[in-house]
Amino acid sequence: MAMNWDEFLTRVVDDGIASVKSDEHIAKYPKRLAGSIQGFESCRGKTYDQLAQLLVEANRKGHNVRCDQEGDKSGAYDIEDYWEARYVAIQIEWVCNTVSAAVAQQGQPPLVMTTARGVMNAARILGVTGSAPN
């Protein structure tokens, strides 16, 4: 049975959230966990093009948080605020990696450079005999 775009994206998001919730390293840092979940949730229901824009915005926000912190000479900033923003972007990038791998056979330009892990994740979700979501 073929999987449509919404089913595929929902599975990528749901699997990602389950993964970060069970990751002991991320769970030690509440803001990183919150950022990870926010990153995945922000991808839910998006189109391919919307994911690309979401990634650009998340990366920009992470950069801006870091620049704001470096400019704050009072020392009042919390480095975990930066990591929260970075984990949002990291998880959006993971979603983009996985969906880019899934639609590569349809000639779509990748949203990000795909990795072997992204290809394997897409294949796992689609199944060995599955086809790209449409």
N, C-alpha and C. Protein backbone atom coordinates (compact mmCIF):
# COMPACT_ATOMS: atom_id res chain seq x y z
N MET A 1 0.85 -1.18 0.00
CA MET A 1 0.00 0.00 0.00
C MET A 1 0.89 1.24 0.00
N ALA A 2 0.61 2.15 -0.89
CA ALA A 2 1.40 3.38 -1.00
C ALA A 2 1.05 4.32 0.14
N MET A 3 2.03 5.07 0.55
CA MET A 3 1.87 6.03 1.64
C MET A 3 1.79 7.42 1.03
N ASN A 4 0.83 8.24 1.48
CA ASN A 4 0.76 9.59 0.95
C ASN A 4 1.68 10.52 1.76
N TRP A 5 1.83 11.75 1.28
CA TRP A 5 2.74 12.71 1.90
C TRP A 5 2.42 12.92 3.39
N ASP A 6 1.15 13.18 3.71
CA ASP A 6 0.78 13.46 5.10
C ASP A 6 1.06 12.27 6.01
N GLU A 7 0.78 11.07 5.54
CA GLU A 7 1.06 9.87 6.34
C GLU A 7 2.57 9.73 6.58
N PHE A 8 3.34 9.95 5.54
CA PHE A 8 4.79 9.83 5.66
C PHE A 8 5.34 10.88 6.63
N LEU A 9 4.96 12.13 6.43
CA LEU A 9 5.47 13.20 7.28
C LEU A 9 5.05 12.99 8.73
N THR A 10 3.83 12.58 8.95
CA THR A 10 3.35 12.30 10.31
C THR A 10 4.20 11.22 10.96
N ARG A 11 4.53 10.21 10.21
CA ARG A 11 5.36 9.12 10.74
C ARG A 11 6.77 9.62 11.07
N VAL A 12 7.36 10.44 10.20
CA VAL A 12 8.69 11.01 10.47
C VAL A 12 8.65 11.82 11.76
N VAL A 13 7.63 12.66 11.91
CA VAL A 13 7.49 13.50 13.09
C VAL A 13 7.25 12.66 14.34
N ASP A 14 6.30 11.75 14.29
CA ASP A 14 5.98 10.92 15.46
C ASP A 14 7.16 10.07 15.89
N ASP A 15 7.85 9.46 14.92
CA ASP A 15 9.02 8.64 15.25
C ASP A 15 10.13 9.51 15.85
N GLY A 16 10.30 10.71 15.32
CA GLY A 16 11.32 11.62 15.84
C GLY A 16 11.05 12.02 17.27
N ILE A 17 9.81 12.35 17.56
CA ILE A 17 9.44 12.74 18.93
C ILE A 17 9.67 11.57 19.88
N ALA A 18 9.25 10.39 19.49
CA ALA A 18 9.47 9.21 20.34
C ALA A 18 10.96 8.99 20.58
N SER A 19 11.76 9.20 19.56
CA SER A 19 13.20 9.00 19.69
C SER A 19 13.84 9.98 20.66
N VAL A 20 13.50 11.26 20.55
CA VAL A 20 14.12 12.24 21.45
C VAL A 20 13.63 12.08 22.88
N LYS A 21 12.39 11.66 23.05
CA LYS A 21 11.89 11.44 24.40
C LYS A 21 12.62 10.29 25.10
N SER A 22 13.11 9.34 24.33
CA SER A 22 13.81 8.21 24.92
C SER A 22 15.33 8.39 24.95
N ASP A 23 15.82 9.50 24.43
CA ASP A 23 17.26 9.76 24.40
C ASP A 23 17.70 10.35 25.74
N GLU A 24 18.49 9.58 26.50
CA GLU A 24 18.91 10.01 27.84
C GLU A 24 19.70 11.30 27.81
N HIS A 25 20.52 11.49 26.80
CA HIS A 25 21.32 12.71 26.72
C HIS A 25 20.43 13.94 26.57
N ILE A 26 19.47 13.87 25.69
CA ILE A 26 18.58 15.02 25.48
C ILE A 26 17.68 15.22 26.70
N ALA A 27 17.20 14.13 27.28
CA ALA A 27 16.28 14.22 28.42
C ALA A 27 16.91 14.91 29.62
N LYS A 28 18.25 14.90 29.73
CA LYS A 28 18.94 15.57 30.84
C LYS A 28 18.80 17.08 30.76
N TYR A 29 18.48 17.58 29.60
CA TYR A 29 18.40 19.03 29.37
C TYR A 29 16.99 19.39 28.93
N PRO A 30 16.16 19.87 29.83
CA PRO A 30 14.76 20.15 29.50
C PRO A 30 14.56 21.09 28.30
N LYS A 31 15.42 22.09 28.16
CA LYS A 31 15.24 23.02 27.03
C LYS A 31 15.61 22.35 25.71
N ARG A 32 16.57 21.47 25.72
CA ARG A 32 16.93 20.75 24.49
C ARG A 32 15.80 19.80 24.09
N LEU A 33 15.22 19.13 25.08
CA LEU A 33 14.09 18.25 24.80
C LEU A 33 12.91 19.06 24.26
N ALA A 34 12.62 20.18 24.91
CA ALA A 34 11.51 21.03 24.45
C ALA A 34 11.77 21.54 23.03
N GLY A 35 13.00 21.95 22.75
CA GLY A 35 13.34 22.42 21.41
C GLY A 35 13.21 21.31 20.38
N SER A 36 13.63 20.11 20.75
CA SER A 36 13.52 18.97 19.84
C SER A 36 12.06 18.69 19.49
N ILE A 37 11.23 18.63 20.51
CA ILE A 37 9.81 18.36 20.28
C ILE A 37 9.18 19.49 19.46
N GLN A 38 9.53 20.73 19.79
CA GLN A 38 9.00 21.87 19.03
C GLN A 38 9.44 21.79 17.57
N GLY A 39 10.68 21.41 17.35
CA GLY A 39 11.17 21.29 15.97
C GLY A 39 10.38 20.28 15.17
N PHE A 40 10.18 19.10 15.76
CA PHE A 40 9.39 18.08 15.07
C PHE A 40 7.95 18.54 14.85
N GLU A 41 7.33 19.06 15.91
CA GLU A 41 5.93 19.48 15.81
C GLU A 41 5.74 20.58 14.76
N SER A 42 6.73 21.45 14.62
CA SER A 42 6.60 22.54 13.65
C SER A 42 6.57 22.03 12.22
N CYS A 43 7.03 20.81 12.00
CA CYS A 43 7.03 20.22 10.66
C CYS A 43 5.69 19.58 10.29
N ARG A 44 4.91 19.29 11.29
CA ARG A 44 3.65 18.57 11.07
C ARG A 44 2.74 19.34 10.11
N GLY A 45 2.24 18.64 9.09
CA GLY A 45 1.29 19.22 8.15
C GLY A 45 1.89 20.16 7.11
N LYS A 46 3.20 20.24 7.05
CA LYS A 46 3.85 21.16 6.10
C LYS A 46 4.04 20.50 4.74
N THR A 47 4.13 21.34 3.72
CA THR A 47 4.48 20.87 2.39
C THR A 47 6.01 20.82 2.29
N TYR A 48 6.49 20.27 1.21
CA TYR A 48 7.93 20.20 0.97
C TYR A 48 8.54 21.60 0.98
N ASP A 49 7.92 22.52 0.26
CA ASP A 49 8.43 23.90 0.20
C ASP A 49 8.34 24.60 1.55
N GLN A 50 7.28 24.34 2.30
CA GLN A 50 7.15 24.95 3.63
C GLN A 50 8.23 24.45 4.58
N LEU A 51 8.63 23.19 4.44
CA LEU A 51 9.71 22.65 5.27
C LEU A 51 11.01 23.39 4.99
N ALA A 52 11.27 23.68 3.73
CA ALA A 52 12.49 24.41 3.37
C ALA A 52 12.51 25.78 4.04
N GLN A 53 11.41 26.50 4.00
CA GLN A 53 11.32 27.81 4.62
C GLN A 53 11.43 27.71 6.14
N LEU A 54 10.82 26.70 6.70
CA LEU A 54 10.87 26.48 8.15
C LEU A 54 12.31 26.27 8.62
N LEU A 55 13.08 25.52 7.85
CA LEU A 55 14.48 25.28 8.21
C LEU A 55 15.29 26.57 8.16
N VAL A 56 15.08 27.37 7.14
CA VAL A 56 15.80 28.65 7.03
C VAL A 56 15.48 29.52 8.25
N GLU A 57 14.21 29.61 8.59
CA GLU A 57 13.80 30.44 9.73
C GLU A 57 14.37 29.91 11.05
N ALA A 58 14.36 28.61 11.24
CA ALA A 58 14.87 28.02 12.48
C ALA A 58 16.37 28.25 12.61
N ASN A 59 17.10 28.09 11.51
CA ASN A 59 18.55 28.34 11.55
C ASN A 59 18.83 29.81 11.85
N ARG A 60 18.06 30.70 11.26
CA ARG A 60 18.23 32.13 11.51
C ARG A 60 17.96 32.45 12.98
N LYS A 61 16.91 31.89 13.53
CA LYS A 61 16.59 32.15 14.93
C LYS A 61 17.71 31.65 15.85
N GLY A 62 18.22 30.45 15.59
CA GLY A 62 19.32 29.93 16.40
C GLY A 62 20.54 30.82 16.34
N HIS A 63 20.84 31.31 15.16
CA HIS A 63 21.97 32.22 14.99
C HIS A 63 21.73 33.52 15.76
N ASN A 64 20.52 34.05 15.65
CA ASN A 64 20.20 35.31 16.33
C ASN A 64 20.25 35.17 17.85
N VAL A 65 19.80 34.03 18.37
CA VAL A 65 19.87 33.81 19.81
C VAL A 65 21.32 33.82 20.26
N ARG A 66 22.17 33.17 19.51
CA ARG A 66 23.59 33.11 19.87
C ARG A 66 24.23 34.50 19.79
N CYS A 67 23.93 35.23 18.75
CA CYS A 67 24.48 36.59 18.61
C CYS A 67 24.00 37.49 19.75
N ASP A 68 22.73 37.37 20.11
CA ASP A 68 22.20 38.16 21.22
C ASP A 68 22.93 37.82 22.51
N GLN A 69 23.21 36.55 22.72
CA GLN A 69 23.90 36.13 23.93
C GLN A 69 25.33 36.64 23.96
N GLU A 70 26.00 36.58 22.83
CA GLU A 70 27.39 37.05 22.79
C GLU A 70 27.48 38.56 23.01
N GLY A 71 26.43 39.28 22.62
CA GLY A 71 26.42 40.72 22.80
C GLY A 71 26.00 41.15 24.20
N ASP A 72 25.48 40.21 24.98
CA ASP A 72 25.03 40.51 26.34
C ASP A 72 26.21 40.44 27.30
N LYS A 73 26.70 41.60 27.69
CA LYS A 73 27.87 41.66 28.58
C LYS A 73 27.50 41.47 30.05
N SER A 74 26.19 41.39 30.36
CA SER A 74 25.78 41.23 31.75
C SER A 74 25.98 39.80 32.24
N GLY A 75 26.11 38.86 31.30
CA GLY A 75 26.26 37.46 31.68
C GLY A 75 24.96 36.82 32.13
N ALA A 76 23.85 37.49 31.86
CA ALA A 76 22.55 37.00 32.32
C ALA A 76 21.95 35.93 31.41
N TYR A 77 22.56 35.69 30.27
CA TYR A 77 21.96 34.72 29.35
C TYR A 77 22.21 33.29 29.81
N ASP A 78 21.38 32.43 29.32
CA ASP A 78 21.46 31.00 29.63
C ASP A 78 21.82 30.29 28.32
N ILE A 79 22.95 29.63 28.29
CA ILE A 79 23.39 28.92 27.07
C ILE A 79 22.35 27.90 26.62
N GLU A 80 21.55 27.42 27.54
CA GLU A 80 20.51 26.46 27.16
C GLU A 80 19.43 27.10 26.29
N ASP A 81 19.28 28.43 26.34
CA ASP A 81 18.36 29.10 25.42
C ASP A 81 18.85 28.92 23.98
N TYR A 82 20.16 29.04 23.80
CA TYR A 82 20.76 28.80 22.49
C TYR A 82 20.52 27.36 22.06
N TRP A 83 20.81 26.42 22.96
CA TRP A 83 20.66 25.01 22.59
C TRP A 83 19.21 24.63 22.31
N GLU A 84 18.29 25.26 22.99
CA GLU A 84 16.88 25.01 22.70
C GLU A 84 16.57 25.40 21.25
N ALA A 85 17.03 26.59 20.86
CA ALA A 85 16.81 27.06 19.48
C ALA A 85 17.53 26.17 18.48
N ARG A 86 18.74 25.73 18.80
CA ARG A 86 19.50 24.85 17.90
C ARG A 86 18.81 23.50 17.74
N TYR A 87 18.26 22.96 18.83
CA TYR A 87 17.60 21.66 18.73
C TYR A 87 16.32 21.75 17.91
N VAL A 88 15.66 22.91 17.92
CA VAL A 88 14.53 23.10 17.01
C VAL A 88 15.02 22.92 15.58
N ALA A 89 16.08 23.63 15.22
CA ALA A 89 16.62 23.58 13.86
C ALA A 89 17.17 22.20 13.52
N ILE A 90 17.84 21.56 14.46
CA ILE A 90 18.42 20.24 14.23
C ILE A 90 17.33 19.24 13.86
N GLN A 91 16.21 19.27 14.55
CA GLN A 91 15.14 18.30 14.27
C GLN A 91 14.42 18.63 12.97
N ILE A 92 14.27 19.91 12.67
CA ILE A 92 13.68 20.28 11.37
C ILE A 92 14.60 19.79 10.25
N GLU A 93 15.91 19.95 10.45
CA GLU A 93 16.86 19.47 9.44
C GLU A 93 16.77 17.95 9.28
N TRP A 94 16.56 17.23 10.37
CA TRP A 94 16.41 15.77 10.28
C TRP A 94 15.17 15.41 9.45
N VAL A 95 14.08 16.11 9.68
CA VAL A 95 12.87 15.87 8.89
C VAL A 95 13.16 16.16 7.42
N CYS A 96 13.82 17.28 7.14
CA CYS A 96 14.16 17.64 5.75
C CYS A 96 15.09 16.60 5.13
N ASN A 97 16.01 16.08 5.89
CA ASN A 97 16.92 15.04 5.43
C ASN A 97 16.13 13.80 5.02
N THR A 98 15.24 13.37 5.90
CA THR A 98 14.46 12.16 5.64
C THR A 98 13.53 12.34 4.45
N VAL A 99 12.81 13.46 4.38
CA VAL A 99 11.89 13.65 3.26
C VAL A 99 12.64 13.87 1.96
N SER A 100 13.79 14.51 2.01
CA SER A 100 14.60 14.67 0.79
C SER A 100 15.01 13.32 0.24
N ALA A 101 15.40 12.43 1.13
CA ALA A 101 15.79 11.08 0.71
C ALA A 101 14.59 10.34 0.10
N ALA A 102 13.42 10.55 0.69
CA ALA A 102 12.23 9.83 0.22
C ALA A 102 11.78 10.27 -1.16
N VAL A 103 11.92 11.54 -1.48
CA VAL A 103 11.41 12.02 -2.77
C VAL A 103 12.50 12.15 -3.84
N ALA A 104 13.71 11.75 -3.52
CA ALA A 104 14.82 11.87 -4.47
C ALA A 104 14.52 11.13 -5.77
N GLN A 105 13.88 9.98 -5.67
CA GLN A 105 13.59 9.20 -6.88
C GLN A 105 12.58 9.88 -7.79
N GLN A 106 11.89 10.89 -7.29
CA GLN A 106 10.92 11.64 -8.10
C GLN A 106 11.55 12.87 -8.74
N GLY A 107 12.87 13.04 -8.54
CA GLY A 107 13.56 14.16 -9.15
C GLY A 107 13.44 15.47 -8.40
N GLN A 108 12.92 15.44 -7.19
CA GLN A 108 12.83 16.66 -6.37
C GLN A 108 14.23 17.08 -5.95
N PRO A 109 14.52 18.37 -5.97
CA PRO A 109 15.81 18.81 -5.43
C PRO A 109 15.80 18.62 -3.91
N PRO A 110 16.89 18.20 -3.33
CA PRO A 110 16.90 17.97 -1.88
C PRO A 110 16.79 19.29 -1.11
N LEU A 111 16.13 19.24 0.01
CA LEU A 111 16.05 20.40 0.89
C LEU A 111 17.37 20.60 1.62
N VAL A 112 18.02 19.50 1.93
CA VAL A 112 19.34 19.48 2.57
C VAL A 112 20.11 18.33 1.94
N MET A 113 21.40 18.31 2.15
CA MET A 113 22.18 17.17 1.68
C MET A 113 21.73 15.95 2.48
N THR A 114 21.32 14.93 1.79
CA THR A 114 20.86 13.73 2.48
C THR A 114 22.05 12.95 3.02
N THR A 115 21.79 12.24 4.10
CA THR A 115 22.79 11.39 4.71
C THR A 115 22.35 9.94 4.61
N ALA A 116 23.27 9.05 4.86
CA ALA A 116 22.92 7.62 4.86
C ALA A 116 21.83 7.34 5.90
N ARG A 117 21.92 7.99 7.05
CA ARG A 117 20.91 7.79 8.09
C ARG A 117 19.53 8.28 7.62
N GLY A 118 19.50 9.40 6.90
CA GLY A 118 18.24 9.90 6.38
C GLY A 118 17.64 8.96 5.35
N VAL A 119 18.49 8.42 4.49
CA VAL A 119 18.04 7.44 3.49
C VAL A 119 17.50 6.20 4.18
N MET A 120 18.23 5.72 5.20
CA MET A 120 17.78 4.52 5.92
C MET A 120 16.48 4.78 6.67
N ASN A 121 16.32 5.96 7.23
CA ASN A 121 15.08 6.29 7.93
C ASN A 121 13.90 6.32 6.95
N ALA A 122 14.10 6.96 5.81
CA ALA A 122 13.04 7.01 4.80
C ALA A 122 12.69 5.60 4.33
N ALA A 123 13.70 4.78 4.08
CA ALA A 123 13.46 3.40 3.62
C ALA A 123 12.72 2.60 4.69
N ARG A 124 13.08 2.81 5.96
CA ARG A 124 12.42 2.09 7.05
C ARG A 124 10.94 2.45 7.10
N ILE A 125 10.64 3.72 6.97
CA ILE A 125 9.26 4.17 7.03
C ILE A 125 8.46 3.70 5.82
N LEU A 126 9.08 3.82 4.65
CA LEU A 126 8.37 3.44 3.42
C LEU A 126 8.35 1.94 3.19
N GLY A 127 9.27 1.23 3.81
CA GLY A 127 9.38 -0.21 3.58
C GLY A 127 10.27 -0.46 2.40
N VAL A 128 10.92 -1.58 2.39
CA VAL A 128 11.89 -1.92 1.34
C VAL A 128 11.26 -1.82 -0.03
N THR A 129 10.03 -2.23 -0.17
CA THR A 129 9.37 -2.20 -1.48
C THR A 129 8.49 -0.97 -1.64
N GLY A 130 8.52 -0.06 -0.68
CA GLY A 130 7.68 1.12 -0.74
C GLY A 130 8.13 2.08 -1.83
N SER A 131 7.28 3.01 -2.12
CA SER A 131 7.63 4.05 -3.08
C SER A 131 7.53 5.40 -2.36
N ALA A 132 8.06 6.41 -2.99
CA ALA A 132 8.08 7.74 -2.40
C ALA A 132 6.66 8.22 -2.17
N PRO A 133 6.46 9.02 -1.10
CA PRO A 133 5.12 9.54 -0.84
C PRO A 133 4.69 10.51 -1.92
N ASN A 134 3.42 10.51 -2.23
CA ASN A 134 2.92 11.42 -3.27
C ASN A 134 1.89 12.36 -2.73
